[in-house]
Amino acid sequence: MLDTLKQVVEYFWWPGMLILFLVLAIIIFAVYKLGSVKEKVSAIDKTNNNIDTIKSNISELTWNVRHILSRLDAVEGANSALAQRHSPIRLTEKWEQLLASTIKPYIDRSFNDIWKDYSDIQDISNPFDIEQFAKRIALDVYDKYTSENEKDKIKSAMFIDGATMSDLNLITWIYLRNKFFEIKWMKLEDLDTEKPLTA
């Protein structure tokens, strides 16, 4: 009986050891691959984080550039023959015509949405701050509330009048400011200081 058992053990010894070795090798390989996968996932996460950071930086840079352009446009508008040189800045008759043929219909059409989307304006009561707010969002309003076809129509009208994008930005924020004033029961006549504008 013992001899028979010994023979059975000897018979299965080497195949068993071989199977055990293969199992261990598979486990080691699986652990190695799992570690490699984790490293790749970690690298992808870092890449995604870097992309998010870049997007955030680009968005902030875009806002800053627009803000700077808006400030420059304000100075340009103050010195333009198309804007009356007293505070608050008003559109001359020529620029009123440009406004009517370009951005005005689209602002009027979307003003309820503008009021809701830029709800921060609802808490602003100082005329100066309202004007600054209008300057800050003017380019966004043009981009957001006009279709590509409408933008082409606006540009065609600007081309006919010899206007620039800076002119469009100026008439946009002035008109937005005036619309905000209306909602807040502010009249330009009451705010008019008749003092020269110093930019």
Protein backbone atom coordinates (compact mmCIF):
# COMPACT_ATOMS: atom_id res chain seq x y z
CA MET A 1 0.00 0.00 0.00
CA LEU A 2 2.78 2.40 0.93
CA ASP A 3 4.64 1.50 -2.22
CA THR A 4 1.56 2.24 -4.28
CA LEU A 5 1.05 5.62 -2.54
CA LYS A 6 4.70 6.45 -3.04
CA GLN A 7 4.41 5.68 -6.73
CA VAL A 8 1.35 7.90 -7.05
CA VAL A 9 3.12 10.80 -5.32
CA GLU A 10 6.20 10.39 -7.50
CA TYR A 11 3.98 10.22 -10.58
CA PHE A 12 2.21 13.50 -9.87
CA TRP A 13 5.16 15.36 -8.30
CA TRP A 14 6.73 16.94 -11.35
CA PRO A 15 3.47 17.83 -13.15
CA GLY A 16 2.17 19.35 -9.91
CA MET A 17 5.32 21.39 -9.44
CA LEU A 18 5.11 22.52 -13.05
CA ILE A 19 1.49 23.61 -12.63
CA LEU A 20 2.35 25.43 -9.39
CA PHE A 21 5.23 27.21 -11.12
CA LEU A 22 2.97 28.26 -14.01
CA VAL A 23 0.33 29.56 -11.60
CA LEU A 24 2.93 31.60 -9.69
CA ALA A 25 4.31 32.95 -12.97
CA ILE A 26 0.82 34.01 -14.08
CA ILE A 27 0.18 35.72 -10.74
CA ILE A 28 3.49 37.59 -10.90
CA PHE A 29 2.81 38.67 -14.48
CA ALA A 30 -0.72 39.81 -13.57
CA VAL A 31 0.60 41.87 -10.65
CA TYR A 32 3.21 43.44 -12.92
CA LYS A 33 0.63 44.32 -15.58
CA LEU A 34 -1.73 45.71 -12.93
CA GLY A 35 1.02 47.99 -11.69
CA SER A 36 1.71 49.10 -15.25
CA VAL A 37 -1.97 49.83 -15.82
CA LYS A 38 -2.15 51.86 -12.60
CA GLU A 39 0.86 53.90 -13.73
CA LYS A 40 -0.80 54.59 -17.09
CA VAL A 41 -4.07 55.57 -15.43
CA SER A 42 -2.17 57.86 -13.08
CA ALA A 43 -0.34 59.41 -16.04
CA ILE A 44 -3.67 59.96 -17.85
CA ASP A 45 -5.16 61.59 -14.75
CA LYS A 46 -2.17 63.93 -14.51
CA THR A 47 -2.52 64.76 -18.21
CA ASN A 48 -6.23 65.50 -17.77
CA ASN A 49 -5.47 67.71 -14.78
CA ASN A 50 -2.86 69.56 -16.81
CA ILE A 51 -5.36 70.01 -19.66
CA ASP A 52 -7.98 71.37 -17.23
CA THR A 53 -5.41 73.78 -15.83
CA ILE A 54 -4.46 74.94 -19.33
CA LYS A 55 -8.13 75.43 -20.23
CA SER A 56 -8.68 77.44 -17.07
CA ASN A 57 -5.62 79.59 -17.79
CA ILE A 58 -6.73 80.16 -21.38
CA SER A 59 -10.22 81.13 -20.21
CA GLU A 60 -8.78 83.58 -17.68
CA LEU A 61 -6.38 85.00 -20.26
CA THR A 62 -9.21 85.42 -22.76
CA TRP A 63 -11.28 87.31 -20.19
CA ASN A 64 -8.32 89.56 -19.32
CA VAL A 65 -7.64 90.34 -22.98
CA ARG A 66 -11.28 91.17 -23.57
CA HIS A 67 -11.34 93.34 -20.48
CA ILE A 68 -8.25 95.23 -21.67
CA LEU A 69 -9.76 95.66 -25.15
CA SER A 70 -12.95 96.92 -23.60
CA ARG A 71 -11.04 99.51 -21.56
CA LEU A 72 -9.12 100.61 -24.66
CA ASP A 73 -12.36 100.84 -26.61
CA ALA A 74 -13.80 103.06 -23.91
CA VAL A 75 -10.87 105.46 -24.25
CA GLU A 76 -11.15 105.35 -28.02
CA GLY A 77 -14.87 106.01 -27.83
CA ALA A 78 -14.38 108.92 -25.47
CA ASN A 79 -12.04 110.52 -27.97
CA SER A 80 -14.16 109.68 -31.01
CA ALA A 81 -16.22 112.22 -32.93
CA LEU A 82 -19.02 109.68 -32.84
CA ALA A 83 -19.40 109.91 -29.05
CA GLN A 84 -20.32 113.00 -27.13
CA ARG A 85 -17.54 114.03 -24.80
CA HIS A 86 -19.33 114.34 -21.49
CA SER A 87 -20.36 111.93 -18.78
CA PRO A 88 -22.23 109.71 -19.17
CA ILE A 89 -21.03 108.97 -22.70
CA ARG A 90 -23.85 109.07 -25.25
CA LEU A 91 -24.12 107.99 -28.86
CA THR A 92 -24.23 110.67 -31.51
CA GLU A 93 -26.89 110.54 -34.20
CA LYS A 94 -24.50 108.83 -36.61
CA TRP A 95 -23.66 106.16 -34.07
CA GLU A 96 -27.32 105.70 -33.18
CA GLN A 97 -27.84 104.82 -36.83
CA LEU A 98 -24.98 102.34 -36.71
CA LEU A 99 -26.44 100.81 -33.57
CA ALA A 100 -29.87 100.40 -35.20
CA SER A 101 -28.37 98.68 -38.26
CA THR A 102 -26.16 96.28 -36.30
CA ILE A 103 -26.45 94.94 -32.74
CA LYS A 104 -29.57 96.70 -31.39
CA PRO A 105 -32.24 94.29 -32.75
CA TYR A 106 -30.40 91.29 -31.31
CA ILE A 107 -29.93 92.86 -27.89
CA ASP A 108 -33.62 93.82 -27.81
CA ARG A 109 -34.63 90.30 -28.82
CA SER A 110 -32.45 88.62 -26.18
CA PHE A 111 -32.45 91.19 -23.40
CA ASN A 112 -34.56 89.12 -20.99
CA ASP A 113 -32.04 86.29 -21.36
CA ILE A 114 -29.12 88.71 -20.96
CA TRP A 115 -30.69 90.04 -17.75
CA LYS A 116 -31.01 86.49 -16.40
CA ASP A 117 -27.66 85.15 -17.63
CA TYR A 118 -25.71 88.11 -16.26
CA SER A 119 -27.70 88.28 -13.02
CA ASP A 120 -24.87 90.03 -11.14
CA ILE A 121 -26.11 93.28 -12.70
CA GLN A 122 -29.32 92.98 -10.68
CA ASP A 123 -27.41 93.73 -7.47
CA ILE A 124 -25.51 96.74 -8.85
CA SER A 125 -26.99 100.16 -8.15
CA ASN A 126 -24.08 102.54 -8.77
CA PRO A 127 -24.16 104.06 -12.31
CA PHE A 128 -20.39 103.83 -12.66
CA ASP A 129 -20.38 100.13 -11.75
CA ILE A 130 -23.28 99.48 -14.12
CA GLU A 131 -21.30 101.08 -16.93
CA GLN A 132 -18.19 99.03 -16.10
CA PHE A 133 -20.28 95.87 -16.04
CA ALA A 134 -21.72 96.67 -19.47
CA LYS A 135 -18.20 97.20 -20.83
CA ARG A 136 -17.09 93.86 -19.44
CA ILE A 137 -19.86 91.78 -21.03
CA ALA A 138 -20.26 93.60 -24.37
CA LEU A 139 -18.10 91.22 -26.41
CA ASP A 140 -19.66 88.18 -24.75
CA VAL A 141 -23.15 89.44 -25.56
CA TYR A 142 -22.19 89.85 -29.21
CA ASP A 143 -20.69 86.36 -29.36
CA LYS A 144 -23.43 84.60 -27.42
CA TYR A 145 -26.65 86.15 -28.66
CA THR A 146 -26.06 86.37 -32.39
CA SER A 147 -25.83 83.52 -34.85
CA GLU A 148 -23.09 83.24 -37.46
CA ASN A 149 -25.50 84.48 -40.11
CA GLU A 150 -26.46 87.45 -37.94
CA LYS A 151 -22.80 88.23 -37.29
CA ASP A 152 -22.26 88.34 -41.06
CA LYS A 153 -25.14 90.81 -41.41
CA ILE A 154 -23.70 92.99 -38.64
CA LYS A 155 -20.25 92.98 -40.23
CA SER A 156 -21.71 93.88 -43.62
CA ALA A 157 -23.51 96.86 -42.08
CA MET A 158 -20.31 97.89 -40.30
CA PHE A 159 -18.36 97.64 -43.56
CA ILE A 160 -20.84 99.92 -45.32
CA ASP A 161 -20.54 102.49 -42.51
CA GLY A 162 -16.75 102.16 -42.30
CA ALA A 163 -16.98 100.93 -38.70
CA THR A 164 -14.64 98.59 -36.83
CA MET A 165 -15.09 95.90 -34.18
CA SER A 166 -13.96 98.48 -31.64
CA ASP A 167 -16.85 100.67 -32.75
CA LEU A 168 -19.23 97.74 -32.39
CA ASN A 169 -17.96 97.00 -28.90
CA LEU A 170 -18.44 100.62 -27.89
CA ILE A 171 -22.01 100.97 -29.14
CA THR A 172 -22.84 97.57 -27.62
CA TRP A 173 -21.78 98.44 -24.09
CA ILE A 174 -23.33 101.91 -24.25
CA TYR A 175 -26.64 100.46 -25.39
CA LEU A 176 -26.48 97.71 -22.76
CA ARG A 177 -25.71 100.31 -20.10
CA ASN A 178 -28.70 102.37 -21.18
CA LYS A 179 -30.96 99.30 -21.06
CA PHE A 180 -29.72 98.52 -17.55
CA PHE A 181 -30.34 102.13 -16.55
CA GLU A 182 -33.91 101.90 -17.82
CA ILE A 183 -34.65 98.81 -15.74
CA LYS A 184 -33.17 100.48 -12.68
CA TRP A 185 -35.18 103.68 -13.30
CA MET A 186 -32.07 105.73 -14.00
CA LYS A 187 -32.30 108.49 -16.59
CA LEU A 188 -29.32 109.78 -18.51
CA GLU A 189 -30.66 113.30 -18.06
CA ASP A 190 -30.49 112.93 -14.29
CA LEU A 191 -26.99 111.44 -14.43
CA ASP A 192 -25.63 113.97 -16.92
CA THR A 193 -22.98 116.09 -15.19
CA GLU A 194 -22.14 118.11 -18.33
CA LYS A 195 -18.48 117.77 -17.38
CA PRO A 196 -15.75 116.96 -19.89
CA LEU A 197 -14.84 113.29 -19.89
CA THR A 198 -11.26 112.59 -18.90
CA ALA A 199 -10.14 109.12 -19.98
